[in-house]
Amino acid sequence: MSGDEPDREAAGVPGAARGGEARASGPEIALQLKGRLPCFRCGYDLGGLSIREVCPECGTPIRATLLVVVDPHARELQPLRRAWLVVAGLLAWSIGGLAAAIVGWWVWAAPFVGEVAERTLSAGWVKVAGAGCSVVCGVGAIALVRPHARIPRAQVVGAAAGVVGTFVLAAVSYWIWTRYPVRVVADIAPEAESSLLRLAECGVLALVIVLLRPNARMLEARSLLLRSGRVDRQTMYAMAAAVGVVAAGHVVNLAALWLSGKVLDSALIAGTVLVAVGWMLVTIGLVGVLLDIVRLCPVLLEPSPTLGSLLAGERRR
């Protein structure tokens, strides 16, 4: 999570006290490990173990247990509201987005494939399916608006705007696919309105990614913490950059309106290549998001660790 405080890493613990709560220093943590420190998940006594190790009984990272002690109110530990709904929403969000991208590939590539593929597009059901996948993606994204408490208001509002943007994206994409079918490169230069709409589509998509990113990364940090005891600083900005490559291709196509001859052909080929490469990178990113969410779901369905669960484990011992 990109907003982690430096002292959290300096102490070797992926969490820190907030709001006047007691803050544990490195030596104090070492003393706790020399005494009794039950694992929050299974109650095993972690005394004498390094904070870089995992619980020998259940494999839970010791640093995750330390976070329960140091900062029981950390956002990574907050209980989810209806965890199964959050999991279902995340799966719908990732699968719907990837399915919409696949449909988009078919719509884009059909004129290059052959007459049979183009007849498929003329039926219209492919475009409806693509818009429907985007709608499913938007409905699933609602799970990211406020999955648990203690999320800053700005993140909640931003995620809600990202959900709305997803539905706008579905409408814009359907309008483009219906009114402006993709043409073979050597056929004719794209219309100005078509290129402008596709640029708008890229802008909305990039904005949706940026708005949904904070809450998505927050849930991913929760999974990483409980699986590995660390909080990665991976980012979804790479997908937004890939959308920028697509937008650059459409800018080149737009500029081709004022060209002619061999220069026109070269510009159209360059624009098509940029669009194809950009969408390929976006699709790869969506596959990565789906795989991350599949790994995340089991952690989200588990009860959230609390200081009370750790003390209960101590009583069991």
Protein backbone atom coordinates (compact mmCIF):
# COMPACT_ATOMS: atom_id res chain seq x y z
CA MET A 1 0.00 0.00 0.00
CA SER A 2 1.60 3.20 -1.16
CA GLY A 3 0.73 5.23 1.93
CA ASP A 4 2.67 3.13 4.47
CA GLU A 5 4.74 5.12 6.96
CA PRO A 6 8.54 4.74 6.78
CA ASP A 7 8.81 3.68 10.43
CA ARG A 8 6.65 0.64 9.71
CA GLU A 9 9.34 -0.80 7.47
CA ALA A 10 12.19 0.41 9.66
CA ALA A 11 10.86 -1.65 12.54
CA GLY A 12 10.32 -4.66 10.31
CA VAL A 13 6.58 -4.58 11.03
CA PRO A 14 4.01 -3.81 8.27
CA GLY A 15 1.90 -1.70 10.61
CA ALA A 16 2.30 1.07 13.16
CA ALA A 17 0.32 2.72 15.94
CA ARG A 18 -2.01 5.58 14.99
CA GLY A 19 -3.85 8.28 16.92
CA GLY A 20 -1.74 8.27 20.07
CA GLU A 21 -1.67 4.49 20.44
CA ALA A 22 1.45 2.92 21.93
CA ARG A 23 4.22 2.45 19.34
CA ALA A 24 6.55 -0.52 19.76
CA SER A 25 10.24 -0.07 18.97
CA GLY A 26 12.59 -2.73 17.62
CA PRO A 27 14.05 -3.77 21.03
CA GLU A 28 10.56 -3.96 22.57
CA ILE A 29 9.42 -6.27 19.79
CA ALA A 30 12.44 -8.48 20.43
CA LEU A 31 11.52 -8.69 24.12
CA GLN A 32 7.97 -9.76 23.26
CA LEU A 33 9.30 -12.59 21.13
CA LYS A 34 11.50 -13.75 23.98
CA GLY A 35 8.41 -13.95 26.15
CA ARG A 36 4.97 -15.28 25.19
CA LEU A 37 3.40 -14.20 21.91
CA PRO A 38 0.59 -16.49 20.74
CA CYS A 39 -0.16 -16.63 17.02
CA PHE A 40 -3.43 -14.80 16.39
CA ARG A 41 -4.64 -17.58 14.09
CA CYS A 42 -3.81 -20.80 15.97
CA GLY A 43 -2.52 -19.71 19.40
CA TYR A 44 0.94 -21.28 18.98
CA ASP A 45 3.58 -19.65 21.22
CA LEU A 46 5.90 -17.65 18.96
CA GLY A 47 8.38 -16.83 21.72
CA GLY A 48 12.01 -17.09 20.66
CA LEU A 49 11.27 -16.86 16.93
CA SER A 50 12.44 -14.12 14.59
CA ILE A 51 9.90 -11.63 13.29
CA ARG A 52 10.92 -12.68 9.78
CA GLU A 53 9.73 -16.25 10.34
CA VAL A 54 6.27 -17.79 10.12
CA CYS A 55 4.25 -19.67 12.70
CA PRO A 56 5.47 -23.31 12.69
CA GLU A 57 1.92 -24.51 13.33
CA CYS A 58 -0.17 -22.69 10.72
CA GLY A 59 2.34 -20.80 8.55
CA THR A 60 1.00 -17.32 9.40
CA PRO A 61 3.73 -14.66 9.15
CA ILE A 62 4.86 -13.53 12.62
CA ARG A 63 4.80 -9.91 11.45
CA ALA A 64 1.05 -10.22 10.89
CA THR A 65 0.62 -11.24 14.54
CA LEU A 66 2.84 -8.34 15.60
CA LEU A 67 0.60 -5.94 13.68
CA VAL A 68 -2.36 -7.12 15.77
CA VAL A 69 -0.40 -6.15 18.91
CA VAL A 70 1.16 -2.94 17.64
CA ASP A 71 -1.81 -1.57 15.72
CA PRO A 72 -5.08 -3.49 16.24
CA HIS A 73 -6.93 -0.72 14.35
CA ALA A 74 -4.82 -1.00 11.18
CA ARG A 75 -6.87 -0.86 8.00
CA GLU A 76 -5.36 -4.19 6.91
CA LEU A 77 -7.11 -5.85 9.87
CA GLN A 78 -10.57 -4.30 9.65
CA PRO A 79 -13.43 -6.83 9.42
CA LEU A 80 -15.13 -6.92 6.04
CA ARG A 81 -18.83 -6.17 5.79
CA ARG A 82 -20.34 -9.31 4.24
CA ALA A 83 -17.07 -10.83 3.08
CA TRP A 84 -18.79 -13.17 0.62
CA LEU A 85 -20.38 -10.19 -1.14
CA VAL A 86 -16.99 -8.48 -1.37
CA VAL A 87 -15.47 -11.65 -2.85
CA ALA A 88 -18.34 -12.04 -5.33
CA GLY A 89 -18.03 -8.39 -6.32
CA LEU A 90 -14.28 -8.60 -6.87
CA LEU A 91 -14.68 -11.70 -9.02
CA ALA A 92 -17.43 -10.04 -11.07
CA TRP A 93 -15.29 -6.91 -11.44
CA SER A 94 -12.21 -8.77 -12.69
CA ILE A 95 -13.99 -11.37 -14.84
CA GLY A 96 -16.34 -8.78 -16.36
CA GLY A 97 -13.45 -6.48 -17.21
CA LEU A 98 -11.42 -9.25 -18.81
CA ALA A 99 -14.45 -10.54 -20.75
CA ALA A 100 -15.17 -7.02 -22.05
CA ALA A 101 -11.55 -6.75 -23.20
CA ILE A 102 -11.81 -10.08 -25.04
CA VAL A 103 -15.00 -8.95 -26.78
CA GLY A 104 -13.25 -5.69 -27.64
CA TRP A 105 -10.43 -7.66 -29.23
CA TRP A 106 -12.94 -9.57 -31.36
CA VAL A 107 -14.68 -6.38 -32.47
CA TRP A 108 -11.34 -4.80 -33.30
CA ALA A 109 -9.85 -7.81 -35.08
CA ALA A 110 -12.91 -9.04 -36.98
CA PRO A 111 -12.35 -6.90 -40.11
CA PHE A 112 -8.81 -8.26 -40.32
CA VAL A 113 -9.87 -11.90 -39.89
CA GLY A 114 -12.35 -12.36 -42.69
CA GLU A 115 -15.92 -12.22 -43.91
CA VAL A 116 -17.26 -14.76 -41.41
CA ALA A 117 -16.02 -12.71 -38.47
CA GLU A 118 -17.50 -9.54 -39.91
CA ARG A 119 -20.90 -11.24 -40.31
CA THR A 120 -20.73 -12.10 -36.61
CA LEU A 121 -20.41 -8.42 -35.79
CA SER A 122 -23.31 -7.47 -38.07
CA ALA A 123 -25.63 -9.55 -35.87
CA GLY A 124 -25.00 -7.08 -33.06
CA TRP A 125 -25.01 -9.60 -30.22
CA VAL A 126 -21.23 -9.37 -29.80
CA LYS A 127 -21.44 -5.66 -29.07
CA VAL A 128 -24.32 -6.17 -26.66
CA ALA A 129 -22.30 -8.89 -24.93
CA GLY A 130 -19.32 -6.54 -24.64
CA ALA A 131 -21.43 -3.79 -23.08
CA GLY A 132 -23.03 -6.35 -20.77
CA CYS A 133 -19.60 -7.51 -19.58
CA SER A 134 -18.69 -3.90 -18.81
CA VAL A 135 -21.91 -3.52 -16.82
CA VAL A 136 -21.08 -6.68 -14.84
CA CYS A 137 -17.65 -5.18 -14.20
CA GLY A 138 -19.24 -1.98 -12.90
CA VAL A 139 -21.67 -3.84 -10.64
CA GLY A 140 -18.80 -5.87 -9.22
CA ALA A 141 -16.73 -2.73 -8.66
CA ILE A 142 -19.33 -1.57 -6.11
CA ALA A 143 -17.59 -3.97 -3.69
CA LEU A 144 -14.57 -1.66 -3.78
CA VAL A 145 -16.45 1.45 -2.65
CA ARG A 146 -16.36 0.74 1.10
CA PRO A 147 -15.55 -2.90 1.87
CA HIS A 148 -14.81 -2.13 5.53
CA ALA A 149 -14.59 0.71 8.03
CA ARG A 150 -11.76 3.23 8.48
CA ILE A 151 -11.40 4.00 4.78
CA PRO A 152 -10.73 7.70 4.11
CA ARG A 153 -13.72 9.54 2.73
CA ALA A 154 -11.77 10.66 -0.33
CA GLN A 155 -11.07 7.01 -1.25
CA VAL A 156 -14.74 6.08 -0.82
CA VAL A 157 -15.90 8.97 -3.01
CA GLY A 158 -13.19 8.22 -5.58
CA ALA A 159 -14.14 4.54 -5.78
CA ALA A 160 -17.82 5.47 -6.17
CA ALA A 161 -16.88 7.79 -9.03
CA GLY A 162 -14.88 4.92 -10.54
CA VAL A 163 -17.98 2.71 -10.47
CA VAL A 164 -20.00 5.38 -12.27
CA GLY A 165 -17.16 5.75 -14.75
CA THR A 166 -17.34 2.02 -15.51
CA PHE A 167 -20.97 2.33 -16.57
CA VAL A 168 -20.13 5.41 -18.65
CA LEU A 169 -17.35 3.39 -20.28
CA ALA A 170 -19.82 0.61 -21.16
CA ALA A 171 -22.12 3.12 -22.86
CA VAL A 172 -19.30 4.84 -24.76
CA SER A 173 -17.83 1.53 -25.93
CA TYR A 174 -21.18 0.26 -27.16
CA TRP A 175 -21.80 3.53 -29.02
CA ILE A 176 -18.40 3.32 -30.71
CA TRP A 177 -18.74 -0.35 -31.65
CA THR A 178 -22.23 0.22 -33.07
CA ARG A 179 -21.66 3.43 -34.99
CA TYR A 180 -18.01 3.21 -35.97
CA PRO A 181 -16.93 -0.34 -36.89
CA VAL A 182 -13.20 -0.90 -37.19
CA ARG A 183 -11.95 -0.88 -40.76
CA VAL A 184 -8.99 -2.50 -42.45
CA VAL A 185 -5.89 -0.27 -42.31
CA ALA A 186 -5.58 0.10 -46.07
CA ASP A 187 -9.28 0.89 -46.49
CA ILE A 188 -9.81 4.44 -45.32
CA ALA A 189 -8.65 6.82 -42.63
CA PRO A 190 -10.86 6.85 -39.50
CA GLU A 191 -13.39 9.62 -39.08
CA ALA A 192 -12.52 12.46 -36.72
CA GLU A 193 -15.52 11.80 -34.49
CA SER A 194 -14.60 8.12 -34.22
CA SER A 195 -11.03 8.87 -33.13
CA LEU A 196 -12.18 11.50 -30.66
CA LEU A 197 -14.69 9.10 -29.12
CA ARG A 198 -12.03 6.43 -28.82
CA LEU A 199 -9.74 8.96 -27.13
CA ALA A 200 -12.57 9.73 -24.72
CA GLU A 201 -12.98 6.00 -24.11
CA CYS A 202 -9.28 5.77 -23.19
CA GLY A 203 -9.58 8.76 -20.89
CA VAL A 204 -12.54 7.29 -19.03
CA LEU A 205 -10.83 3.90 -18.70
CA ALA A 206 -7.62 5.43 -17.34
CA LEU A 207 -9.64 7.52 -14.87
CA VAL A 208 -11.58 4.45 -13.68
CA ILE A 209 -8.33 2.56 -13.07
CA VAL A 210 -6.85 5.43 -11.07
CA LEU A 211 -10.02 5.94 -8.99
CA LEU A 212 -10.48 2.25 -8.12
CA ARG A 213 -6.78 1.62 -7.49
CA PRO A 214 -6.48 2.80 -3.83
CA ASN A 215 -9.17 0.47 -2.46
CA ALA A 216 -8.10 -2.41 -4.70
CA ARG A 217 -4.50 -2.09 -3.50
CA MET A 218 -5.72 -1.84 0.11
CA LEU A 219 -7.40 -5.25 -0.16
CA GLU A 220 -4.37 -6.67 -1.92
CA ALA A 221 -2.17 -5.38 0.93
CA ARG A 222 -4.43 -7.24 3.36
CA SER A 223 -3.86 -10.48 1.48
CA LEU A 224 -0.10 -10.00 1.21
CA LEU A 225 0.18 -9.17 4.90
CA LEU A 226 -1.58 -12.33 6.04
CA ARG A 227 0.12 -14.58 3.46
CA SER A 228 3.68 -13.21 3.55
CA GLY A 229 3.91 -10.67 6.38
CA ARG A 230 4.68 -7.79 4.05
CA VAL A 231 2.90 -5.03 2.15
CA ASP A 232 3.93 -4.67 -1.48
CA ARG A 233 4.01 -1.35 -3.30
CA GLN A 234 2.85 -2.78 -6.61
CA THR A 235 0.69 -0.45 -8.64
CA MET A 236 -2.14 -0.47 -11.14
CA TYR A 237 -0.69 2.62 -12.77
CA ALA A 238 1.01 0.37 -15.36
CA MET A 239 -2.43 -0.45 -16.77
CA ALA A 240 -3.25 3.25 -17.00
CA ALA A 241 0.04 3.75 -18.85
CA ALA A 242 -0.95 0.96 -21.27
CA VAL A 243 -4.21 2.80 -21.91
CA GLY A 244 -2.02 5.82 -22.72
CA VAL A 245 -0.35 3.77 -25.46
CA VAL A 246 -3.79 3.05 -26.94
CA ALA A 247 -4.62 6.74 -26.78
CA ALA A 248 -1.37 7.57 -28.58
CA GLY A 249 -2.41 5.24 -31.39
CA HIS A 250 -5.73 7.04 -31.73
CA VAL A 251 -3.92 10.40 -31.78
CA VAL A 252 -1.82 9.13 -34.68
CA ASN A 253 -4.97 8.00 -36.48
CA LEU A 254 -6.52 11.40 -35.88
CA ALA A 255 -3.44 13.13 -37.27
CA ALA A 256 -3.71 10.92 -40.38
CA LEU A 257 -6.81 12.86 -41.41
CA TRP A 258 -4.51 15.62 -42.65
CA LEU A 259 -2.13 13.30 -44.49
CA SER A 260 -2.19 11.59 -47.86
CA GLY A 261 -0.31 9.06 -49.96
CA LYS A 262 2.36 6.83 -48.45
CA VAL A 263 2.59 9.03 -45.35
CA LEU A 264 -1.08 8.35 -44.69
CA ASP A 265 -0.58 4.59 -45.00
CA SER A 266 2.43 4.68 -42.67
CA ALA A 267 0.53 6.74 -40.09
CA LEU A 268 -2.45 4.37 -40.16
CA ILE A 269 -0.18 1.34 -39.72
CA ALA A 270 1.66 3.04 -36.83
CA GLY A 271 -1.61 3.99 -35.16
CA THR A 272 -3.00 0.48 -35.54
CA VAL A 273 0.16 -1.07 -34.07
CA LEU A 274 0.08 1.29 -31.07
CA VAL A 275 -3.59 0.52 -30.43
CA ALA A 276 -2.97 -3.23 -30.68
CA VAL A 277 0.10 -3.17 -28.41
CA GLY A 278 -1.66 -0.96 -25.87
CA TRP A 279 -4.74 -3.17 -25.67
CA MET A 280 -2.53 -6.24 -25.43
CA LEU A 281 -0.81 -4.73 -22.38
CA VAL A 282 -4.16 -3.77 -20.86
CA THR A 283 -5.44 -7.32 -21.39
CA ILE A 284 -2.34 -8.80 -19.75
CA GLY A 285 -2.90 -6.44 -16.82
CA LEU A 286 -6.52 -7.59 -16.51
CA VAL A 287 -5.39 -11.22 -16.45
CA GLY A 288 -2.99 -10.31 -13.64
CA VAL A 289 -5.78 -8.58 -11.71
CA LEU A 290 -7.98 -11.69 -12.00
CA LEU A 291 -5.17 -13.96 -10.77
CA ASP A 292 -4.47 -11.62 -7.84
CA ILE A 293 -8.14 -11.62 -6.86
CA VAL A 294 -8.33 -15.43 -7.03
CA ARG A 295 -5.41 -15.55 -4.57
CA LEU A 296 -7.00 -12.83 -2.46
CA CYS A 297 -10.44 -14.42 -2.03
CA PRO A 298 -9.53 -17.11 0.55
CA VAL A 299 -7.93 -14.49 2.78
CA LEU A 300 -10.96 -12.19 2.54
CA LEU A 301 -13.30 -15.01 3.55
CA GLU A 302 -11.35 -15.68 6.76
CA PRO A 303 -12.36 -13.86 9.97
CA SER A 304 -10.33 -10.69 10.45
CA PRO A 305 -7.50 -11.00 13.01
CA THR A 306 -8.00 -8.99 16.19
CA LEU A 307 -6.19 -8.42 19.46
CA GLY A 308 -9.04 -10.32 21.13
CA SER A 309 -8.37 -13.40 19.00
CA LEU A 310 -4.70 -13.26 19.97
CA LEU A 311 -5.52 -13.04 23.67
CA ALA A 312 -8.01 -15.89 23.28
CA GLY A 313 -5.21 -17.95 21.78
CA GLU A 314 -3.04 -17.13 24.79
CA ARG A 315 -5.77 -18.30 27.14
CA ARG A 316 -6.02 -21.58 25.20
CA ARG A 317 -2.31 -22.17 25.74
